[in-house]
C-alpha atoms as a PDB file:
ATOM      1  CA  MET A   1     -43.188-105.774 170.578  1.00  0.00           C
ATOM      2  CA  ASN A   2     -40.176-104.157 172.167  1.00  0.00           C
ATOM      3  CA  SER A   3     -36.982-104.202 170.162  1.00  0.00           C
ATOM      4  CA  GLY A   4     -33.490-104.375 171.587  1.00  0.00           C
ATOM      5  CA  ALA A   5     -29.871-104.398 170.560  1.00  0.00           C
ATOM      6  CA  PHE A   6     -28.121-107.719 170.151  1.00  0.00           C
ATOM      7  CA  PRO A   7     -24.453-108.639 169.924  1.00  0.00           C
ATOM      8  CA  ALA A   8     -22.916-109.866 166.715  1.00  0.00           C
ATOM      9  CA  PRO A   9     -22.472-113.645 166.619  1.00  0.00           C
ATOM     10  CA  PRO A  10     -19.103-115.082 167.599  1.00  0.00           C
ATOM     11  CA  GLN A  11     -18.776-116.496 164.094  1.00  0.00           C
ATOM     12  CA  ALA A  12     -20.645-115.621 160.931  1.00  0.00           C
ATOM     13  CA  ALA A  13     -23.146-118.231 159.866  1.00  0.00           C
ATOM     14  CA  ALA A  14     -22.404-120.250 156.777  1.00  0.00           C
ATOM     15  CA  GLY A  15     -23.887-118.716 153.651  1.00  0.00           C
ATOM     16  CA  GLY A  16     -26.348-121.578 153.149  1.00  0.00           C
ATOM     17  CA  ASP A  17     -27.655-121.216 156.720  1.00  0.00           C
ATOM     18  CA  LEU A  18     -28.585-117.549 156.498  1.00  0.00           C
ATOM     19  CA  VAL A  19     -31.913-118.168 154.743  1.00  0.00           C
ATOM     20  CA  LYS A  20     -33.948-121.349 155.002  1.00  0.00           C
ATOM     21  CA  ASP A  21     -37.491-122.688 154.914  1.00  0.00           C
ATOM     22  CA  ALA A  22     -38.988-124.092 158.090  1.00  0.00           C
ATOM     23  CA  SER A  23     -42.164-125.737 159.325  1.00  0.00           C
ATOM     24  CA  LEU A  24     -43.772-126.416 162.679  1.00  0.00           C
ATOM     25  CA  PRO A  25     -41.812-129.659 163.250  1.00  0.00           C
ATOM     26  CA  THR A  26     -38.477-127.886 162.596  1.00  0.00           C
ATOM     27  CA  PHE A  27     -39.338-124.540 164.192  1.00  0.00           C
ATOM     28  CA  ALA A  28     -37.434-125.169 167.400  1.00  0.00           C
ATOM     29  CA  ALA A  29     -34.283-126.306 165.555  1.00  0.00           C
ATOM     30  CA  ASP A  30     -34.470-123.608 162.868  1.00  0.00           C
ATOM     31  CA  VAL A  31     -35.598-120.639 164.969  1.00  0.00           C
ATOM     32  CA  ILE A  32     -35.533-121.078 168.734  1.00  0.00           C
ATOM     33  CA  GLU A  33     -32.113-122.738 169.070  1.00  0.00           C
ATOM     34  CA  PRO A  34     -30.216-120.411 166.655  1.00  0.00           C
ATOM     35  CA  SER A  35     -31.873-117.385 168.293  1.00  0.00           C
ATOM     36  CA  MET A  36     -29.876-118.111 171.425  1.00  0.00           C
ATOM     37  CA  GLN A  37     -26.844-116.855 169.481  1.00  0.00           C
ATOM     38  CA  VAL A  38     -28.170-114.393 166.873  1.00  0.00           C
ATOM     39  CA  PRO A  39     -31.514-112.778 166.040  1.00  0.00           C
ATOM     40  CA  VAL A  40     -33.642-114.935 163.758  1.00  0.00           C
ATOM     41  CA  ILE A  41     -36.215-113.237 161.555  1.00  0.00           C
ATOM     42  CA  VAL A  42     -39.244-115.356 160.633  1.00  0.00           C
ATOM     43  CA  ASP A  43     -41.205-114.431 157.509  1.00  0.00           C
ATOM     44  CA  PHE A  44     -44.719-115.911 157.495  1.00  0.00           C
ATOM     45  CA  TRP A  45     -45.982-115.982 153.926  1.00  0.00           C
ATOM     46  CA  ALA A  46     -48.194-117.852 151.423  1.00  0.00           C
ATOM     47  CA  PRO A  47     -47.906-118.461 147.675  1.00  0.00           C
ATOM     48  CA  TRP A  48     -51.148-116.576 146.938  1.00  0.00           C
ATOM     49  CA  CYS A  49     -50.012-113.438 148.815  1.00  0.00           C
ATOM     50  CA  GLY A  50     -48.902-110.670 146.420  1.00  0.00           C
ATOM     51  CA  PRO A  51     -47.164-108.469 149.047  1.00  0.00           C
ATOM     52  CA  CYS A  52     -45.296-111.567 150.253  1.00  0.00           C
ATOM     53  CA  LYS A  53     -43.718-111.901 146.819  1.00  0.00           C
ATOM     54  CA  THR A  54     -42.565-108.302 147.051  1.00  0.00           C
ATOM     55  CA  LEU A  55     -41.216-108.578 150.592  1.00  0.00           C
ATOM     56  CA  GLY A  56     -39.472-111.950 150.278  1.00  0.00           C
ATOM     57  CA  PRO A  57     -36.580-111.038 147.946  1.00  0.00           C
ATOM     58  CA  LEU A  58     -35.994-107.716 149.715  1.00  0.00           C
ATOM     59  CA  ILE A  59     -35.756-109.164 153.193  1.00  0.00           C
ATOM     60  CA  GLU A  60     -33.447-111.922 151.917  1.00  0.00           C
ATOM     61  CA  LYS A  61     -31.192-109.269 150.391  1.00  0.00           C
ATOM     62  CA  VAL A  62     -31.031-107.303 153.642  1.00  0.00           C
ATOM     63  CA  VAL A  63     -30.356-110.419 155.740  1.00  0.00           C
ATOM     64  CA  ARG A  64     -27.541-111.559 153.439  1.00  0.00           C
ATOM     65  CA  ALA A  65     -26.037-108.059 153.609  1.00  0.00           C
ATOM     66  CA  ALA A  66     -25.749-108.493 157.380  1.00  0.00           C
ATOM     67  CA  ASN A  67     -23.087-111.177 156.777  1.00  0.00           C
ATOM     68  CA  GLY A  68     -24.243-113.689 159.364  1.00  0.00           C
ATOM     69  CA  LYS A  69     -25.274-111.302 162.135  1.00  0.00           C
ATOM     70  CA  VAL A  70     -28.907-112.273 161.611  1.00  0.00           C
ATOM     71  CA  ARG A  71     -30.736-115.182 159.968  1.00  0.00           C
ATOM     72  CA  LEU A  72     -33.988-115.530 158.067  1.00  0.00           C
ATOM     73  CA  VAL A  73     -36.468-118.388 158.273  1.00  0.00           C
ATOM     74  CA  LYS A  74     -39.465-118.554 155.925  1.00  0.00           C
ATOM     75  CA  VAL A  75     -42.678-120.305 156.972  1.00  0.00           C
ATOM     76  CA  ASN A  76     -45.439-121.011 154.452  1.00  0.00           C
ATOM     77  CA  ILE A  77     -48.672-120.760 156.459  1.00  0.00           C
ATOM     78  CA  ASP A  78     -50.615-122.216 153.537  1.00  0.00           C
ATOM     79  CA  GLU A  79     -49.268-125.628 154.518  1.00  0.00           C
ATOM     80  CA  PRO A  80     -51.685-127.332 156.945  1.00  0.00           C
ATOM     81  CA  GLN A  81     -48.919-128.404 159.315  1.00  0.00           C
ATOM     82  CA  ASN A  82     -47.918-124.752 159.833  1.00  0.00           C
ATOM     83  CA  GLN A  83     -51.357-123.332 160.532  1.00  0.00           C
ATOM     84  CA  PRO A  84     -51.262-124.157 164.278  1.00  0.00           C
ATOM     85  CA  LEU A  85     -48.042-122.120 164.486  1.00  0.00           C
ATOM     86  CA  ALA A  86     -49.733-119.152 162.807  1.00  0.00           C
ATOM     87  CA  GLN A  87     -52.634-119.457 165.245  1.00  0.00           C
ATOM     88  CA  GLN A  88     -50.285-119.663 168.222  1.00  0.00           C
ATOM     89  CA  LEU A  89     -48.565-116.426 167.176  1.00  0.00           C
ATOM     90  CA  ARG A  90     -51.960-114.830 166.402  1.00  0.00           C
ATOM     91  CA  ILE A  91     -51.096-114.083 162.785  1.00  0.00           C
ATOM     92  CA  GLN A  92     -54.145-112.549 161.130  1.00  0.00           C
ATOM     93  CA  SER A  93     -52.565-110.960 158.061  1.00  0.00           C
ATOM     94  CA  ILE A  94     -49.537-111.685 155.911  1.00  0.00           C
ATOM     95  CA  PRO A  95     -46.786-111.052 155.241  1.00  0.00           C
ATOM     96  CA  ALA A  96     -46.095-111.085 158.972  1.00  0.00           C
ATOM     97  CA  VAL A  97     -42.531-110.882 160.229  1.00  0.00           C
ATOM     98  CA  TYR A  98     -41.321-111.752 163.725  1.00  0.00           C
ATOM     99  CA  ALA A  99     -37.803-111.417 165.092  1.00  0.00           C
ATOM    100  CA  PHE A 100     -36.751-113.937 167.743  1.00  0.00           C
ATOM    101  CA  TYR A 101     -33.865-113.579 170.183  1.00  0.00           C
ATOM    102  CA  LYS A 102     -33.031-115.798 173.140  1.00  0.00           C
ATOM    103  CA  GLY A 103     -36.011-117.923 172.210  1.00  0.00           C
ATOM    104  CA  GLN A 104     -38.554-115.090 172.409  1.00  0.00           C
ATOM    105  CA  PRO A 105     -40.269-112.835 169.849  1.00  0.00           C
ATOM    106  CA  VAL A 106     -38.820-109.351 170.374  1.00  0.00           C
ATOM    107  CA  ASP A 107     -39.913-107.284 167.365  1.00  0.00           C
ATOM    108  CA  GLY A 108     -41.968-107.562 164.213  1.00  0.00           C
ATOM    109  CA  PHE A 109     -44.207-105.965 161.618  1.00  0.00           C
ATOM    110  CA  VAL A 110     -47.045-106.771 159.233  1.00  0.00           C
ATOM    111  CA  GLY A 111     -47.117-105.936 155.530  1.00  0.00           C
ATOM    112  CA  ALA A 112     -44.508-105.332 152.844  1.00  0.00           C
ATOM    113  CA  LEU A 113     -41.959-102.666 153.778  1.00  0.00           C
ATOM    114  CA  PRO A 114     -39.534-100.924 151.399  1.00  0.00           C
ATOM    115  CA  GLU A 115     -35.900-101.948 151.532  1.00  0.00           C
ATOM    116  CA  SER A 116     -34.878 -98.850 153.483  1.00  0.00           C
ATOM    117  CA  GLN A 117     -37.272 -99.698 156.321  1.00  0.00           C
ATOM    118  CA  LEU A 118     -36.206-103.347 156.283  1.00  0.00           C
ATOM    119  CA  LYS A 119     -32.637-102.192 156.820  1.00  0.00           C
ATOM    120  CA  GLN A 120     -33.767-100.054 159.741  1.00  0.00           C
ATOM    121  CA  PHE A 121     -35.596-103.069 161.201  1.00  0.00           C
ATOM    122  CA  VAL A 122     -32.474-105.236 161.027  1.00  0.00           C
ATOM    123  CA  GLU A 123     -30.226-102.448 162.295  1.00  0.00           C
ATOM    124  CA  ARG A 124     -32.588-101.978 165.234  1.00  0.00           C
ATOM    125  CA  LEU A 125     -32.218-105.667 166.045  1.00  0.00           C
ATOM    126  CA  LEU A 126     -28.447-105.538 165.821  1.00  0.00           C
ATOM    127  CA  GLY A 127     -27.913-102.155 167.427  1.00  0.00           C
ATOM    128  CA  ASP A 128     -25.505-101.439 164.592  1.00  0.00           C
ATOM    129  CA  LYS A 129     -25.494-100.107 161.048  1.00  0.00           C
ATOM    130  CA  LEU A 130     -25.331-102.545 158.154  1.00  0.00           C
ATOM    131  CA  ALA A 131     -22.414-102.245 155.773  1.00  0.00           C
ATOM    132  CA  PRO A 132     -23.373-100.108 152.774  1.00  0.00           C
ATOM    133  CA  ASP A 133     -24.417-102.040 149.690  1.00  0.00           C
ATOM    134  CA  PRO A 134     -21.816-101.351 146.938  1.00  0.00           C
ATOM    135  CA  VAL A 135     -24.523-101.226 144.262  1.00  0.00           C
ATOM    136  CA  GLU A 136     -26.525 -98.689 146.246  1.00  0.00           C
ATOM    137  CA  GLN A 137     -23.394 -96.631 146.852  1.00  0.00           C
ATOM    138  CA  PHE A 138     -22.641 -96.465 143.127  1.00  0.00           C
ATOM    139  CA  LEU A 139     -26.275 -95.593 142.355  1.00  0.00           C
ATOM    140  CA  GLU A 140     -26.217 -92.758 144.908  1.00  0.00           C
ATOM    141  CA  HIS A 141     -22.911 -91.531 143.518  1.00  0.00           C
ATOM    142  CA  GLY A 142     -24.291 -91.646 139.982  1.00  0.00           C
ATOM    143  CA  HIS A 143     -27.448 -89.739 140.848  1.00  0.00           C
ATOM    144  CA  ALA A 144     -25.465 -87.115 142.747  1.00  0.00           C
ATOM    145  CA  ALA A 145     -23.238 -86.654 139.694  1.00  0.00           C
ATOM    146  CA  LEU A 146     -26.325 -86.280 137.486  1.00  0.00           C
ATOM    147  CA  GLU A 147     -27.642 -83.528 139.761  1.00  0.00           C
ATOM    148  CA  ASP A 148     -24.287 -81.759 139.419  1.00  0.00           C
ATOM    149  CA  SER A 149     -24.347 -82.246 135.623  1.00  0.00           C
ATOM    150  CA  ASP A 150     -21.112 -84.227 135.947  1.00  0.00           C
ATOM    151  CA  PHE A 151     -22.191 -86.666 133.266  1.00  0.00           C
ATOM    152  CA  GLU A 152     -18.856 -88.445 132.749  1.00  0.00           C
ATOM    153  CA  VAL A 153     -18.637 -89.317 136.448  1.00  0.00           C
ATOM    154  CA  ALA A 154     -22.279 -90.441 136.391  1.00  0.00           C
ATOM    155  CA  LEU A 155     -21.529 -92.741 133.450  1.00  0.00           C
ATOM    156  CA  GLN A 156     -18.691 -94.382 135.361  1.00  0.00           C
ATOM    157  CA  ALA A 157     -20.813 -94.879 138.480  1.00  0.00           C
ATOM    158  CA  PHE A 158     -23.740 -96.449 136.635  1.00  0.00           C
ATOM    159  CA  ASP A 159     -21.392 -98.582 134.559  1.00  0.00           C
ATOM    160  CA  ALA A 160     -19.947 -99.993 137.800  1.00  0.00           C
ATOM    161  CA  VAL A 161     -23.462-101.106 138.761  1.00  0.00           C
ATOM    162  CA  LEU A 162     -24.168-102.600 135.344  1.00  0.00           C
ATOM    163  CA  GLN A 163     -20.999-104.662 135.488  1.00  0.00           C
ATOM    164  CA  GLN A 164     -22.502-106.419 138.512  1.00  0.00           C
ATOM    165  CA  GLU A 165     -26.184-106.229 137.529  1.00  0.00           C
ATOM    166  CA  PRO A 166     -26.412-105.818 133.729  1.00  0.00           C
ATOM    167  CA  GLU A 167     -30.195-105.395 133.724  1.00  0.00           C
ATOM    168  CA  ASN A 168     -30.522-103.075 136.717  1.00  0.00           C
ATOM    169  CA  PRO A 169     -33.227-100.643 135.461  1.00  0.00           C
ATOM    170  CA  VAL A 170     -32.200 -97.798 137.776  1.00  0.00           C
ATOM    171  CA  ALA A 171     -28.613 -97.950 136.516  1.00  0.00           C
ATOM    172  CA  LEU A 172     -29.700 -98.251 132.869  1.00  0.00           C
ATOM    173  CA  ALA A 173     -31.951 -95.215 133.266  1.00  0.00           C
ATOM    174  CA  GLY A 174     -29.195 -93.269 135.006  1.00  0.00           C
ATOM    175  CA  GLN A 175     -26.692 -94.126 132.316  1.00  0.00           C
ATOM    176  CA  ALA A 176     -29.172 -93.068 129.643  1.00  0.00           C
ATOM    177  CA  LYS A 177     -29.731 -89.708 131.374  1.00  0.00           C
ATOM    178  CA  ALA A 178     -25.971 -89.180 131.574  1.00  0.00           C
ATOM    179  CA  LEU A 179     -25.690 -89.879 127.839  1.00  0.00           C
ATOM    180  CA  ILE A 180     -28.554 -87.457 127.193  1.00  0.00           C
ATOM    181  CA  GLY A 181     -26.628 -84.848 129.163  1.00  0.00           C
ATOM    182  CA  LEU A 182     -23.686 -85.460 126.837  1.00  0.00           C
ATOM    183  CA  ASN A 183     -26.002 -85.141 123.784  1.00  0.00           C
ATOM    184  CA  GLU A 184     -25.345 -88.782 122.907  1.00  0.00           C
ATOM    185  CA  PHE A 185     -28.978 -89.454 122.063  1.00  0.00           C
ATOM    186  CA  ASP A 186     -28.525 -92.606 119.971  1.00  0.00           C
ATOM    187  CA  GLU A 187     -26.358 -94.193 122.672  1.00  0.00           C
ATOM    188  CA  ALA A 188     -28.978 -93.290 125.278  1.00  0.00           C
ATOM    189  CA  GLU A 189     -31.669 -94.953 123.189  1.00  0.00           C
ATOM    190  CA  ALA A 190     -29.532 -98.092 122.830  1.00  0.00           C
ATOM    191  CA  THR A 191     -29.001 -98.153 126.600  1.00  0.00           C
ATOM    192  CA  LEU A 192     -32.737 -97.945 127.284  1.00  0.00           C
ATOM    193  CA  ALA A 193     -33.340-100.777 124.810  1.00  0.00           C
ATOM    194  CA  ARG A 194     -31.351-103.053 127.135  1.00  0.00           C
ATOM    195  CA  ALA A 195     -34.190-102.852 129.677  1.00  0.00           C
ATOM    196  CA  THR A 196     -36.480-105.821 129.017  1.00  0.00           C
ATOM    197  CA  GLY A 197     -39.423-107.531 130.704  1.00  0.00           C
ATOM    198  CA  ASP A 198     -40.571-105.842 133.897  1.00  0.00           C
ATOM    199  CA  GLY A 199     -37.445-103.684 133.798  1.00  0.00           C
ATOM    200  CA  ALA A 200     -38.732-101.970 130.663  1.00  0.00           C
ATOM    201  CA  LYS A 201     -41.772-100.835 132.658  1.00  0.00           C
ATOM    202  CA  HIS A 202     -39.741 -99.466 135.578  1.00  0.00           C
ATOM    203  CA  GLN A 203     -40.618 -95.838 136.360  1.00  0.00           C
ATOM    204  CA  ASP A 204     -36.978 -94.750 136.003  1.00  0.00           C
ATOM    205  CA  ILE A 205     -36.811 -96.254 132.505  1.00  0.00           C
ATOM    206  CA  GLN A 206     -40.063 -94.557 131.561  1.00  0.00           C
ATOM    207  CA  ALA A 207     -38.758 -91.241 132.906  1.00  0.00           C
ATOM    208  CA  ALA A 208     -35.502 -91.615 130.968  1.00  0.00           C
ATOM    209  CA  ARG A 209     -37.438 -92.320 127.758  1.00  0.00           C
ATOM    210  CA  THR A 210     -39.443 -89.144 128.313  1.00  0.00           C
ATOM    211  CA  ALA A 211     -36.226 -87.239 129.013  1.00  0.00           C
ATOM    212  CA  LEU A 212     -34.761 -88.518 125.748  1.00  0.00           C
ATOM    213  CA  THR A 213     -37.842 -87.442 123.789  1.00  0.00           C
ATOM    214  CA  LEU A 214     -37.670 -84.001 125.384  1.00  0.00           C
ATOM    215  CA  ALA A 215     -33.974 -83.664 124.696  1.00  0.00           C
ATOM    216  CA  ARG A 216     -34.457 -84.455 121.031  1.00  0.00           C
ATOM    217  CA  GLU A 217     -37.348 -82.003 120.801  1.00  0.00           C
ATOM    218  CA  THR A 218     -35.601 -79.127 122.564  1.00  0.00           C
ATOM    219  CA  SER A 219     -31.887 -79.490 121.862  1.00  0.00           C
ATOM    220  CA  GLY A 220     -32.114 -77.524 118.625  1.00  0.00           C
ATOM    221  CA  ALA A 221     -33.968 -74.699 120.335  1.00  0.00           C
ATOM    222  CA  ALA A 222     -31.380 -74.125 123.081  1.00  0.00           C
ATOM    223  CA  GLY A 223     -29.605 -71.480 121.010  1.00  0.00           C
ATOM    224  CA  GLN A 224     -32.828 -69.531 120.436  1.00  0.00           C
ATOM    225  CA  VAL A 225     -33.498 -68.528 124.041  1.00  0.00           C
ATOM    226  CA  GLY A 226     -32.789 -64.854 123.363  1.00  0.00           C
ATOM    227  CA  GLU A 227     -34.909 -64.798 120.221  1.00  0.00           C
ATOM    228  CA  PHE A 228     -37.993 -66.282 121.889  1.00  0.00           C
ATOM    229  CA  GLU A 229     -37.488 -64.202 125.020  1.00  0.00           C
ATOM    230  CA  ALA A 230     -37.643 -61.089 122.877  1.00  0.00           C
ATOM    231  CA  LYS A 231     -40.823 -62.291 121.157  1.00  0.00           C
ATOM    232  CA  VAL A 232     -42.548 -62.889 124.490  1.00  0.00           C
ATOM    233  CA  ALA A 233     -41.418 -59.513 125.785  1.00  0.00           C
ATOM    234  CA  ALA A 234     -42.774 -57.820 122.665  1.00  0.00           C
ATOM    235  CA  ASP A 235     -46.125 -59.619 122.911  1.00  0.00           C
ATOM    236  CA  PRO A 236     -46.858 -61.356 126.230  1.00  0.00           C
ATOM    237  CA  LYS A 237     -50.079 -62.779 124.741  1.00  0.00           C
ATOM    238  CA  ASP A 238     -48.223 -64.654 121.982  1.00  0.00           C
ATOM    239  CA  LYS A 239     -48.896 -68.166 123.270  1.00  0.00           C
ATOM    240  CA  GLN A 240     -46.839 -70.016 120.658  1.00  0.00           C
ATOM    241  CA  ALA A 241     -43.839 -67.790 121.324  1.00  0.00           C
ATOM    242  CA  ARG A 242     -44.106 -68.520 125.043  1.00  0.00           C
ATOM    243  CA  LEU A 243     -44.351 -72.272 124.383  1.00  0.00           C
ATOM    244  CA  ASP A 244     -41.308 -72.080 122.109  1.00  0.00           C
ATOM    245  CA  TYR A 245     -39.492 -70.003 124.732  1.00  0.00           C
ATOM    246  CA  ALA A 246     -40.147 -72.706 127.335  1.00  0.00           C
ATOM    247  CA  ALA A 247     -38.791 -75.377 124.979  1.00  0.00           C
ATOM    248  CA  ALA A 248     -35.641 -73.334 124.405  1.00  0.00           C
ATOM    249  CA  LEU A 249     -35.193 -72.911 128.152  1.00  0.00           C
ATOM    250  CA  VAL A 250     -35.499 -76.679 128.645  1.00  0.00           C
ATOM    251  CA  GLY A 251     -32.886 -77.211 125.959  1.00  0.00           C
ATOM    252  CA  ALA A 252     -30.607 -74.751 127.761  1.00  0.00           C
ATOM    253  CA  ASN A 253     -31.217 -76.627 131.053  1.00  0.00           C
ATOM    254  CA  LYS A 254     -32.934 -73.613 132.604  1.00  0.00           C
ATOM    255  CA  ARG A 255     -35.605 -75.712 134.236  1.00  0.00           C
ATOM    256  CA  GLU A 256     -37.133 -73.288 136.738  1.00  0.00           C
ATOM    257  CA  GLU A 257     -37.486 -70.632 134.049  1.00  0.00           C
ATOM    258  CA  ALA A 258     -39.101 -73.144 131.677  1.00  0.00           C
ATOM    259  CA  VAL A 259     -41.654 -74.175 134.309  1.00  0.00           C
ATOM    260  CA  GLU A 260     -42.417 -70.518 135.021  1.00  0.00           C
ATOM    261  CA  GLN A 261     -43.182 -69.832 131.356  1.00  0.00           C
ATOM    262  CA  LEU A 262     -45.400 -72.908 131.018  1.00  0.00           C
ATOM    263  CA  LEU A 263     -47.320 -72.085 134.193  1.00  0.00           C
ATOM    264  CA  THR A 264     -47.833 -68.557 132.923  1.00  0.00           C
ATOM    265  CA  LEU A 265     -49.105 -69.932 129.615  1.00  0.00           C
ATOM    266  CA  PHE A 266     -51.454 -72.311 131.430  1.00  0.00           C
ATOM    267  CA  LYS A 267     -52.839 -69.429 133.501  1.00  0.00           C
ATOM    268  CA  GLN A 268     -53.441 -67.416 130.323  1.00  0.00           C
ATOM    269  CA  ASP A 269     -55.451 -70.150 128.614  1.00  0.00           C
ATOM    270  CA  LYS A 270     -55.761 -73.625 130.132  1.00  0.00           C
ATOM    271  CA  LYS A 271     -57.331 -75.146 127.011  1.00  0.00           C
ATOM    272  CA  TRP A 272     -55.056 -73.550 124.394  1.00  0.00           C
ATOM    273  CA  ASN A 273     -53.670 -75.939 121.784  1.00  0.00           C
ATOM    274  CA  ASP A 274     -55.229 -79.015 123.406  1.00  0.00           C
ATOM    275  CA  GLU A 275     -53.812 -78.133 126.853  1.00  0.00           C
ATOM    276  CA  ALA A 276     -50.281 -77.910 125.438  1.00  0.00           C
ATOM    277  CA  ALA A 277     -48.850 -76.130 128.482  1.00  0.00           C
ATOM    278  CA  LYS A 278     -50.187 -78.712 130.950  1.00  0.00           C
ATOM    279  CA  LYS A 279     -49.058 -81.640 128.812  1.00  0.00           C
ATOM    280  CA  GLN A 280     -45.557 -80.206 128.462  1.00  0.00           C
ATOM    281  CA  LEU A 281     -45.325 -79.589 132.210  1.00  0.00           C
ATOM    282  CA  LEU A 282     -46.336 -83.169 133.005  1.00  0.00           C
ATOM    283  CA  LYS A 283     -43.794 -84.438 130.492  1.00  0.00           C
ATOM    284  CA  LEU A 284     -41.085 -82.373 132.182  1.00  0.00           C
ATOM    285  CA  PHE A 285     -42.045 -83.561 135.659  1.00  0.00           C
ATOM    286  CA  GLU A 286     -41.930 -87.202 134.563  1.00  0.00           C
ATOM    287  CA  ALA A 287     -38.549 -86.742 132.898  1.00  0.00           C
ATOM    288  CA  TRP A 288     -37.032 -85.042 135.942  1.00  0.00           C
ATOM    289  CA  GLY A 289     -38.454 -87.518 138.444  1.00  0.00           C
ATOM    290  CA  PHE A 290     -41.013 -87.245 141.225  1.00  0.00           C
ATOM    291  CA  ALA A 291     -38.425 -86.300 143.862  1.00  0.00           C
ATOM    292  CA  ASP A 292     -36.814 -83.500 141.836  1.00  0.00           C
ATOM    293  CA  PRO A 293     -37.277 -80.207 143.751  1.00  0.00           C
ATOM    294  CA  VAL A 294     -38.213 -78.223 140.629  1.00  0.00           C
ATOM    295  CA  ALA A 295     -40.744 -80.891 139.626  1.00  0.00           C
ATOM    296  CA  VAL A 296     -42.206 -81.074 143.150  1.00  0.00           C
ATOM    297  CA  GLU A 297     -42.720 -77.311 143.348  1.00  0.00           C
ATOM    298  CA  GLY A 298     -44.006 -77.189 139.776  1.00  0.00           C
ATOM    299  CA  ARG A 299     -46.607 -79.881 140.468  1.00  0.00           C
ATOM    300  CA  LYS A 300     -47.867 -77.969 143.500  1.00  0.00           C
ATOM    301  CA  ARG A 301     -48.230 -74.768 141.522  1.00  0.00           C
ATOM    302  CA  LEU A 302     -49.883 -76.546 138.580  1.00  0.00           C
ATOM    303  CA  SER A 303     -52.387 -78.184 140.935  1.00  0.00           C
ATOM    304  CA  THR A 304     -53.195 -74.830 142.515  1.00  0.00           C
ATOM    305  CA  ILE A 305     -53.897 -73.283 139.115  1.00  0.00           C
ATOM    306  CA  MET A 306     -55.968 -76.272 137.951  1.00  0.00           C
ATOM    307  CA  PHE A 307     -58.302 -76.100 140.928  1.00  0.00           C
ATOM    308  CA  SER A 308     -58.471 -72.333 141.298  1.00  0.00           C
END
């Protein structure tokens, strides 16, 4: 389908009208008629569809963030009365999303998209950027502060998110990492304990737990960097000294140097001490996050060594 840019509506739709369920008998009133004024996104779904359950809340969030410039209509194709509509639009897989404007389908996609791509889809319809989500802004600010080791600022940013969404796992993990940076390990542990249910399984929470374990293991060694460096220099084949040196470097937040020492150790003897070097590297990569540049480069180099 070809997408186009559409004008904002003369008046924002009432909050209750932004998202609604529809069926074949109400399709004209719920989709075609409103689309004469604003784009109407139609989400075709079914209760048994796992990706539909992922997409539904995200697309609702993005539509509500548009503040009335676009509407969302949800159609359950599992209901017999709606199946002719699905056939008419040639829907063969769900979730399937169509955008209507001026009574015609103008854009669409199949499958569950991440929130960032959903925003791009809506922005493409509107020909305009959506207003930034305050929660996302605070999360970005918090993560940027973490990267700069500005832990107090990071704490404030994540706390602003948690005031609005007390169980937000990304904010809880970020706050815990900021507390780890401040050597407040018990407070970090208490923060992570606030993540419950599915939130406790979130990858950011898991990464923060690993980071806390690492911090507790290596914080005492941070002051021994020089000592272990000298041991390795005196005997480059001293594997335990090199492992201890890497731990001290982690404690001193010298991440690239720590990865270098562990990769060197892994090259020397991949199986030594039950693959201690590999296990420590993987623990570091998880704690730092999959997008961290040092972790990304370290994973590439580890993979090269493993398969060489």
